[in-house]
Protein backbone atom coordinates (compact mmCIF):
# COMPACT_ATOMS: atom_id res chain seq x y z
CA UNK A 1 4.98 13.65 15.63
CA UNK A 2 1.45 13.13 15.46
CA UNK A 3 -0.47 9.85 15.10
CA UNK A 4 -4.29 9.84 13.44
CA UNK A 5 -3.55 13.29 12.46
CA UNK A 6 -6.75 15.27 11.38
CA UNK A 7 -5.48 14.65 7.48
CA UNK A 8 -5.14 10.81 8.25
CA UNK A 9 -7.69 10.06 5.39
CA UNK A 10 -6.96 12.67 2.88
CA UNK A 11 -3.40 11.01 2.99
CA UNK A 12 -4.64 7.38 2.05
CA UNK A 13 -7.21 8.67 -0.15
CA UNK A 14 -4.54 10.36 -2.21
CA UNK A 15 -2.43 7.95 -1.99
CA UNK A 16 -5.18 5.57 -3.81
CA UNK A 17 -6.00 8.25 -6.41
CA UNK A 18 -1.79 8.16 -7.35
CA UNK A 19 -2.24 4.21 -7.94
CA UNK A 20 -5.36 4.77 -9.67
CA UNK A 21 -3.37 7.90 -11.74
CA UNK A 22 -0.45 5.50 -13.14
CA UNK A 23 -3.17 3.18 -14.40
CA UNK A 24 -5.54 5.08 -16.26
CA UNK A 25 -4.19 8.86 -16.46
CA UNK A 26 -7.45 10.09 -14.00
CA UNK A 27 -6.57 13.22 -12.24
CA UNK A 28 -5.92 13.09 -8.33
CA UNK A 29 -9.09 14.97 -6.88
CA UNK A 30 -6.93 15.02 -3.83
CA UNK A 31 -4.31 17.26 -5.75
CA UNK A 32 -4.01 20.54 -5.65
CA UNK A 33 -3.96 22.48 -9.18
CA UNK A 34 -0.09 22.70 -9.92
CA UNK A 35 0.50 19.33 -8.56
CA UNK A 36 -2.27 18.15 -11.46
CA UNK A 37 -0.13 20.21 -13.92
CA UNK A 38 2.88 18.86 -13.11
CA UNK A 39 1.00 14.63 -13.65
CA UNK A 40 -0.01 15.87 -17.14
CA UNK A 41 3.33 17.05 -18.03
CA UNK A 42 4.97 13.79 -16.76
CA UNK A 43 1.74 11.71 -18.34
CA UNK A 44 3.20 13.28 -21.74
CA UNK A 45 6.49 12.47 -20.69
CA UNK A 46 5.93 8.70 -20.38
CA UNK A 47 3.41 8.14 -23.91
CA UNK A 48 6.63 9.72 -25.75
CA UNK A 49 9.01 7.34 -24.53
CA UNK A 50 6.11 4.55 -25.10
CA UNK A 51 6.22 3.54 -21.56
CA UNK A 52 2.97 2.29 -19.04
CA UNK A 53 4.08 2.56 -15.51
CA UNK A 54 1.67 0.65 -12.18
CA UNK A 55 2.54 1.08 -9.32
CA UNK A 56 2.13 -0.65 -5.65
CA UNK A 57 2.37 0.37 -1.70
CA UNK A 58 2.30 -1.78 0.35
CA UNK A 59 1.97 0.20 4.01
CA UNK A 60 3.49 -0.82 6.89
CA UNK A 61 2.57 0.88 10.13
CA UNK A 62 0.70 3.90 10.62
CA UNK A 63 0.34 7.00 9.13
CA UNK A 64 2.03 10.16 10.75
CA UNK A 65 1.87 13.94 10.91
CA UNK A 66 5.60 15.12 11.00
CA UNK A 67 5.97 19.12 10.26
CA UNK A 68 2.42 21.70 11.20
CA UNK A 69 3.22 24.99 10.60
CA UNK A 70 0.31 26.47 12.12
CA UNK A 71 -0.58 31.02 11.71
CA UNK A 72 2.56 31.11 9.63
CA UNK A 73 1.52 31.59 6.16
CA UNK A 74 -0.55 35.07 5.26
CA UNK A 75 -1.94 35.31 2.24
CA UNK A 76 -2.95 39.26 1.11
CA UNK A 77 -6.77 38.17 -0.13
CA UNK A 78 -9.17 40.00 -2.88
CA UNK A 79 -10.52 42.04 -0.06
CA UNK A 80 -7.70 43.45 1.63
CA UNK A 81 -7.14 40.82 4.54
CA UNK A 82 -4.39 38.43 5.38
CA UNK A 83 -6.07 34.90 5.24
CA UNK A 84 -3.85 32.25 6.92
CA UNK A 85 -2.87 28.67 5.76
CA UNK A 86 -1.31 25.64 8.01
CA UNK A 87 0.65 23.41 6.05
CA UNK A 88 1.03 19.58 7.12
CA UNK A 89 3.34 16.78 6.02
CA UNK A 90 2.39 12.93 6.92
CA UNK A 91 4.45 10.10 6.10
CA UNK A 92 3.91 6.53 5.64
CA UNK A 93 6.46 3.80 5.33
CA UNK A 94 6.03 0.54 3.26
CA UNK A 95 7.03 -1.25 0.10
CA UNK A 96 6.47 -0.33 -2.77
CA UNK A 97 7.15 -1.95 -6.67
CA UNK A 98 7.50 0.17 -9.33
CA UNK A 99 6.99 -1.94 -13.23
CA UNK A 100 7.40 -0.20 -16.54
CA UNK A 101 6.20 -1.96 -19.81
CA UNK A 102 6.60 -1.09 -23.10
CA UNK A 103 4.00 -2.24 -25.84
CA UNK A 104 2.66 -4.76 -22.94
CA UNK A 105 5.94 -6.07 -22.47
CA UNK A 106 7.77 -5.34 -18.86
CA UNK A 107 10.91 -4.55 -18.75
CA UNK A 108 11.77 -2.74 -15.98
CA UNK A 109 11.06 -3.69 -12.57
CA UNK A 110 12.24 -2.48 -8.72
CA UNK A 111 10.55 -3.26 -5.00
CA UNK A 112 11.98 -0.69 -2.29
CA UNK A 113 11.41 0.11 1.53
CA UNK A 114 10.46 3.49 1.22
CA UNK A 115 8.88 6.51 3.25
CA UNK A 116 5.87 8.15 1.40
CA UNK A 117 5.41 11.76 2.39
CA UNK A 118 2.51 14.22 1.21
CA UNK A 119 2.43 17.71 2.17
CA UNK A 120 -1.37 19.34 2.74
CA UNK A 121 -2.39 22.31 2.76
CA UNK A 122 -5.34 24.03 4.58
CA UNK A 123 -6.64 27.50 5.92
CA UNK A 124 -6.45 27.69 9.44
CA UNK A 125 -9.62 26.93 11.51
CA UNK A 126 -11.75 30.04 12.54
CA UNK A 127 -9.68 32.38 9.93
CA UNK A 128 -13.37 34.62 9.16
CA UNK A 129 -10.87 35.89 6.14
CA UNK A 130 -10.37 33.18 3.97
CA UNK A 131 -13.26 33.94 2.39
CA UNK A 132 -11.74 36.83 0.64
CA UNK A 133 -9.08 34.18 -0.81
CA UNK A 134 -9.49 33.46 -4.67
CA UNK A 135 -9.12 29.98 -6.62
CA UNK A 136 -9.89 28.43 -9.66
CA UNK A 137 -12.96 26.79 -9.90
CA UNK A 138 -12.51 23.10 -10.48
CA UNK A 139 -15.21 22.99 -13.22
CA UNK A 140 -14.45 25.83 -15.73
CA UNK A 141 -11.38 27.22 -14.23
CA UNK A 142 -12.65 30.88 -13.94
CA UNK A 143 -11.70 32.74 -10.95
CA UNK A 144 -13.65 33.23 -7.81
CA UNK A 145 -13.46 33.96 -3.98
CA UNK A 146 -13.82 30.77 -1.86
CA UNK A 147 -16.64 32.69 -0.26
CA UNK A 148 -18.60 33.15 -4.31
CA UNK A 149 -18.01 29.48 -4.99
CA UNK A 150 -19.61 28.43 -1.53
CA UNK A 151 -22.40 30.80 -1.74
CA UNK A 152 -23.36 32.14 -4.86
CA UNK A 153 -21.61 29.70 -7.14
CA UNK A 154 -19.32 30.14 -9.59
CA UNK A 155 -20.37 33.19 -11.79
CA UNK A 156 -19.23 31.77 -14.80
CA UNK A 157 -20.41 28.03 -15.08
CA UNK A 158 -22.57 27.94 -12.14
CA UNK A 159 -21.12 25.35 -9.95
CA UNK A 160 -21.58 25.48 -6.21
CA UNK A 161 -18.51 24.33 -4.05
CA UNK A 162 -18.44 23.17 -0.30
CA UNK A 163 -15.09 23.86 1.54
CA UNK A 164 -14.49 20.21 1.34
CA UNK A 165 -14.72 20.51 -2.03
CA UNK A 166 -11.57 23.12 -2.46
CA UNK A 167 -9.58 22.28 0.84
CA UNK A 168 -8.01 20.79 2.09
CA UNK A 169 -5.22 19.71 -0.75
CA UNK A 170 -2.16 17.87 -1.48
CA UNK A 171 0.75 19.81 -2.72
CA UNK A 172 3.37 17.94 -2.82
CA UNK A 173 4.51 14.65 -2.26
CA UNK A 174 7.76 12.53 -2.58
CA UNK A 175 9.62 9.33 -1.51
CA UNK A 176 12.00 8.92 0.43
CA UNK A 177 14.49 5.54 0.76
CA UNK A 178 14.39 3.72 4.07
CA UNK A 179 17.69 2.14 4.23
CA UNK A 180 16.24 0.44 7.51
CA UNK A 181 15.84 -3.11 7.27
CA UNK A 182 12.20 -4.33 7.23
CA UNK A 183 11.18 -6.97 10.08
CA UNK A 184 8.77 -9.02 7.94
CA UNK A 185 10.79 -11.70 8.10
CA UNK A 186 7.77 -14.06 5.91
CA UNK A 187 9.41 -13.21 2.91
CA UNK A 188 12.25 -15.19 3.81
CA UNK A 189 10.60 -18.32 4.70
CA UNK A 190 11.07 -19.81 1.02
CA UNK A 191 14.74 -19.46 1.19
CA UNK A 192 14.99 -21.01 4.65
CA UNK A 193 12.78 -23.69 3.52
CA UNK A 194 15.25 -24.25 0.21
CA UNK A 195 18.19 -24.33 2.19
CA UNK A 196 16.63 -26.88 4.79
CA UNK A 197 15.84 -29.05 1.88
CA UNK A 198 18.80 -28.77 0.15
CA UNK A 199 21.61 -29.74 3.34
CA UNK A 200 19.01 -32.47 3.98
CA UNK A 201 19.36 -33.84 0.02
CA UNK A 202 23.62 -33.41 0.49
CA UNK A 203 23.44 -35.16 4.22
CA UNK A 204 21.27 -38.07 3.14
CA UNK A 205 23.45 -38.62 -0.05
CA UNK A 206 26.62 -38.52 1.74
CA UNK A 207 24.96 -41.13 4.51
CA UNK A 208 23.67 -43.54 2.44
CA UNK A 209 27.16 -43.70 0.51
CA UNK A 210 29.60 -43.44 3.85
CA UNK A 211 27.72 -45.66 6.10
CA UNK A 212 26.38 -49.43 6.49
CA UNK A 213 23.47 -48.96 8.83
CA UNK A 214 20.02 -48.70 8.06
CA UNK A 215 18.75 -44.48 7.09
CA UNK A 216 16.05 -45.09 10.55
CA UNK A 217 13.33 -42.66 10.98
CA UNK A 218 15.08 -41.19 14.33
CA UNK A 219 18.25 -40.92 11.92
CA UNK A 220 16.08 -38.99 9.41
CA UNK A 221 14.48 -37.00 12.72
CA UNK A 222 17.39 -36.08 13.69
CA UNK A 223 19.04 -35.22 10.32
CA UNK A 224 16.41 -33.15 9.92
CA UNK A 225 16.92 -31.51 12.95
CA UNK A 226 20.42 -30.87 12.35
CA UNK A 227 20.15 -29.79 9.00
CA UNK A 228 17.31 -27.39 9.60
CA UNK A 229 19.74 -25.38 12.58
CA UNK A 230 22.22 -25.13 10.17
CA UNK A 231 20.09 -24.23 7.03
CA UNK A 232 18.40 -21.54 9.02
CA UNK A 233 21.97 -19.95 10.31
CA UNK A 234 23.57 -20.19 7.02
CA UNK A 235 20.35 -18.37 5.54
CA UNK A 236 19.79 -15.49 8.36
CA UNK A 237 23.73 -15.32 7.95
CA UNK A 238 23.73 -14.47 4.10
CA UNK A 239 20.82 -12.56 4.30
CA UNK A 240 22.57 -10.29 7.07
CA UNK A 241 25.55 -10.24 4.70
CA UNK A 242 23.31 -9.02 1.85
CA UNK A 243 21.04 -6.45 4.31
CA UNK A 244 24.80 -5.23 5.75
CA UNK A 245 26.09 -4.62 2.48
CA UNK A 246 22.87 -2.76 1.25
CA UNK A 247 22.96 -0.77 4.47
CA UNK A 248 26.60 0.47 4.01
CA UNK A 249 25.90 1.40 0.34
CA UNK A 250 22.99 3.12 1.31
CA UNK A 251 25.00 4.75 4.25
CA UNK A 252 27.64 5.92 1.39
CA UNK A 253 24.78 7.64 -0.81
CA UNK A 254 23.10 9.49 2.58
CA UNK A 255 26.91 10.65 3.71
CA UNK A 256 26.75 12.32 0.22
CA UNK A 257 23.64 14.12 0.87
CA UNK A 258 24.15 14.89 4.81
CA UNK A 259 27.35 16.46 3.68
CA UNK A 260 26.15 18.32 0.70
CA UNK A 261 23.08 19.99 2.59
CA UNK A 262 24.74 20.45 6.23
CA UNK A 263 23.82 23.39 7.89
CA UNK A 264 21.09 24.57 4.88
CA UNK A 265 17.65 24.73 6.86
CA UNK A 266 19.16 27.17 9.11
CA UNK A 267 21.05 28.95 6.78
CA UNK A 268 18.02 29.36 4.28
CA UNK A 269 15.49 30.15 7.14
CA UNK A 270 17.71 32.58 8.88
CA UNK A 271 18.56 34.67 5.36
CA UNK A 272 15.20 34.56 3.88
CA UNK A 273 13.09 35.19 7.20
CA UNK A 274 14.22 38.52 7.19
CA UNK A 275 12.88 39.14 3.80
CA UNK A 276 9.52 37.21 4.37
CA UNK A 277 8.45 36.82 7.96
CA UNK A 278 6.43 34.19 7.43
CA UNK A 279 8.65 32.38 5.79
CA UNK A 280 8.55 28.19 5.97
CA UNK A 281 11.24 25.95 5.26
CA UNK A 282 9.14 23.06 4.69
CA UNK A 283 6.73 24.73 2.02
CA UNK A 284 10.03 26.53 0.93
CA UNK A 285 11.84 22.55 0.16
CA UNK A 286 8.82 21.54 -1.18
CA UNK A 287 8.30 24.71 -3.39
CA UNK A 288 12.37 23.96 -5.11
CA UNK A 289 11.21 20.20 -6.10
CA UNK A 290 8.14 21.10 -7.22
CA UNK A 291 9.08 23.58 -9.60
CA UNK A 292 12.01 21.03 -10.20
CA UNK A 293 10.08 18.70 -11.49
CA UNK A 294 7.65 20.89 -13.12
CA UNK A 295 10.32 22.48 -15.16
CA UNK A 296 12.22 18.92 -16.22
CA UNK A 297 8.85 17.51 -17.23
CA UNK A 298 7.68 20.84 -19.64
CA UNK A 299 8.95 20.51 -23.41
CA UNK A 300 8.13 24.12 -24.08
CA UNK A 301 10.41 25.84 -21.14
CA UNK A 302 10.14 28.93 -23.77
CA UNK A 303 6.43 29.52 -22.81
CA UNK A 304 6.64 28.13 -18.95
CA UNK A 305 5.68 31.08 -16.77
CA UNK A 306 7.79 30.03 -13.85
CA UNK A 307 11.25 29.80 -15.51
CA UNK A 308 13.14 32.84 -17.12
CA UNK A 309 16.21 30.92 -18.11
CA UNK A 310 17.66 29.23 -21.36
CA UNK A 311 15.96 26.39 -23.04
CA UNK A 312 16.87 23.81 -21.48
CA UNK A 313 13.99 20.93 -22.35
CA UNK A 314 16.17 18.42 -24.66
CA UNK A 315 18.66 18.23 -21.35
CA UNK A 316 16.10 16.17 -19.84
CA UNK A 317 14.27 14.72 -22.09
CA UNK A 318 15.22 11.36 -20.60
CA UNK A 319 13.91 11.45 -17.57
CA UNK A 320 11.04 9.77 -16.75
CA UNK A 321 10.64 10.16 -13.20
CA UNK A 322 12.28 11.87 -10.46
CA UNK A 323 12.92 10.49 -6.68
CA UNK A 324 13.82 13.21 -3.85
CA UNK A 325 16.57 11.75 -1.72
CA UNK A 326 15.90 14.53 1.35
CA UNK A 327 18.89 16.85 0.79
CA UNK A 328 18.72 20.42 -0.53
CA UNK A 329 21.87 22.25 -0.37
CA UNK A 330 22.13 26.05 -0.81
CA UNK A 331 25.18 27.48 -2.31
CA UNK A 332 24.11 31.48 -2.01
CA UNK A 333 21.63 33.79 -0.74
CA UNK A 334 21.89 36.86 -2.11
CA UNK A 335 19.65 40.44 -2.57
CA UNK A 336 20.00 42.08 -5.86
CA UNK A 337 17.97 45.23 -6.42
CA UNK A 338 14.17 44.23 -5.38
CA UNK A 339 14.82 39.96 -6.09
CA UNK A 340 16.24 37.61 -3.67
CA UNK A 341 18.05 34.79 -5.44
CA UNK A 342 18.71 31.34 -4.12
CA UNK A 343 21.46 28.65 -5.40
CA UNK A 344 20.23 25.74 -4.98
CA UNK A 345 21.81 21.92 -5.36
CA UNK A 346 18.36 18.96 -5.06
CA UNK A 347 20.00 15.45 -4.67
CA UNK A 348 17.44 13.35 -6.35
CA UNK A 349 17.23 9.71 -7.87
CA UNK A 350 16.25 10.10 -11.51
CA UNK A 351 14.88 6.94 -13.91
CA UNK A 352 15.91 7.40 -17.50
CA UNK A 353 14.85 5.79 -20.17
CA UNK A 354 18.14 5.30 -22.58
CA UNK A 355 14.94 3.61 -25.38
CA UNK A 356 16.59 0.51 -24.62
CA UNK A 357 16.52 -0.04 -20.83
CA UNK A 358 15.37 1.61 -17.91
CA UNK A 359 18.16 2.97 -14.89
CA UNK A 360 17.99 4.43 -12.17
CA UNK A 361 21.01 7.28 -11.24
CA UNK A 362 21.78 9.40 -8.69
CA UNK A 363 22.13 13.17 -9.81
CA UNK A 364 22.68 16.49 -8.64
CA UNK A 365 20.52 18.96 -10.06
CA UNK A 366 21.48 22.65 -9.44
CA UNK A 367 18.53 25.09 -9.46
CA UNK A 368 18.89 29.11 -9.53
CA UNK A 369 15.80 30.83 -8.21
CA UNK A 370 14.46 34.58 -7.27
CA UNK A 371 11.20 35.87 -5.51
CA UNK A 372 10.28 39.56 -5.57
CA UNK A 373 11.22 40.99 -1.89
CA UNK A 374 8.43 43.34 -2.16
CA UNK A 375 5.48 40.90 -1.35
CA UNK A 376 5.09 37.48 0.55
CA UNK A 377 5.29 33.85 -0.93
CA UNK A 378 1.35 33.12 -1.94
CA UNK A 379 1.28 29.68 -0.96
CA UNK A 380 -2.36 29.44 -2.85
CA UNK A 381 -0.46 30.72 -5.66
CA UNK A 382 -1.44 28.77 -9.23
CA UNK A 383 -0.66 29.40 -12.56
CA UNK A 384 -4.20 28.51 -13.51
CA UNK A 385 -5.06 31.60 -11.66
CA UNK A 386 -2.90 34.43 -12.79
CA UNK A 387 -4.13 38.30 -12.38
CA UNK A 388 -1.97 40.29 -14.75
CA UNK A 389 -0.78 43.66 -12.14
CA UNK A 390 -0.89 46.03 -15.35
CA UNK A 391 -4.43 45.52 -16.09
CA UNK A 392 -6.02 43.50 -14.38
CA UNK A 393 -7.22 40.86 -16.50
CA UNK A 394 -7.21 37.24 -15.27
CA UNK A 395 -5.70 34.39 -17.20
CA UNK A 396 -4.56 30.84 -17.48
CA UNK A 397 -0.68 30.54 -17.40
CA UNK A 398 -0.23 27.19 -18.08
CA UNK A 399 0.86 27.69 -21.89
CA UNK A 400 1.49 31.37 -22.45
CA UNK A 401 3.78 34.30 -20.15
CA UNK A 402 2.27 37.37 -21.64
CA UNK A 403 -1.30 38.96 -20.58
CA UNK A 404 -3.83 37.64 -23.59
CA UNK A 405 -5.55 41.27 -22.69
CA UNK A 406 -2.60 43.81 -22.62
CA UNK A 407 0.12 41.66 -23.98
CA UNK A 408 2.62 42.48 -20.88
CA UNK A 409 4.89 39.72 -19.49
CA UNK A 410 3.50 38.45 -16.49
CA UNK A 411 6.23 37.91 -13.51
CA UNK A 412 5.43 35.19 -11.48
CA UNK A 413 8.44 35.98 -8.73
CA UNK A 414 5.74 38.65 -7.68
CA UNK A 415 3.69 35.71 -6.18
CA UNK A 416 5.50 32.76 -6.04
CA UNK A 417 9.14 31.56 -6.93
CA UNK A 418 10.60 31.52 -10.56
CA UNK A 419 13.75 29.29 -12.08
CA UNK A 420 15.91 31.31 -13.96
CA UNK A 421 18.66 28.23 -14.45
CA UNK A 422 18.60 24.72 -14.12
CA UNK A 423 20.99 21.87 -15.22
CA UNK A 424 22.26 18.29 -13.91
């Protein structure tokens, strides 16, 4: 675990951009293209429900880097060389407040102490082949190589970039509930003052009614000190009981997730690394969550290039936000002909709009995914830069599955993972 890791500033910048996105809908510049697409889908879902959201995050402590996977994610680029990318996971704890409004009226508000995670992808330093990796021009959407975008500029719109405009990028983010008790005691000062004032008032009333002695300044000071000591004790005793109950409740939830995901990392890594020597569990975990989000917020699944199952759009129509619980369970991993298929369980806390109120529910989402074993997973894959394997034509696959040039349906499983089934 590293403090002040290289992408700390990017972590903080994305955090500010995602808060700004909630208020204005402006896409975060630090996010990669597929995350921007997912955020667009979530924004449309909120608009359908006539909802506006405000999110604040007050950090406590520093930004840390939890994982850094180096030289294990190769990409075969356009000049037939392997480019290598590194993936890092950054996190920071803090207090999050999320507020939902409908027709400018607050209908839901919740505060949580949680840990925010961001997954960041960056070319490995010194890789001389990375310039041949394809990239979608952020200005016009045309496909070029990184080298071309930096040297000559986009061949379609002429926009020229430096590497920091293109990488590193945040490819995924999620929050985990922090079951520990925040050490910030200032939030309880008001409760202590009220408790002491109430006890002092009660004591004074009882004393004046039961004693004929005058209530002197000395007696008042002693009474205030006594009530203060009792008030602090009782307040912290009640607060401790509250947090103990909260901790036990959180522990009960965690046990379910831990039990369901026990051994999954080892099993997934062992099985999938046989087909892809560059396999990274952290990347796979983030990809499963990213695809689940994409599909659950998609309103036109028959035209979603990374989904090949039955249209289940209506099953997720009430969903407005997703929180990962940090648990990924595996039910089966098997090879079928040229595909490797994985059946997973994602443990989530979903925010649901019933039309009358907002509520959170723990849900287990089952997801089935496949990938073509003949080629490694491309961590730079984007549905905005699809290249048809039949005719070589490039097109944006966000809204269509078939190549517009030869009408051949594109199989995203060649470069990435594809979902064939998802259910709540």
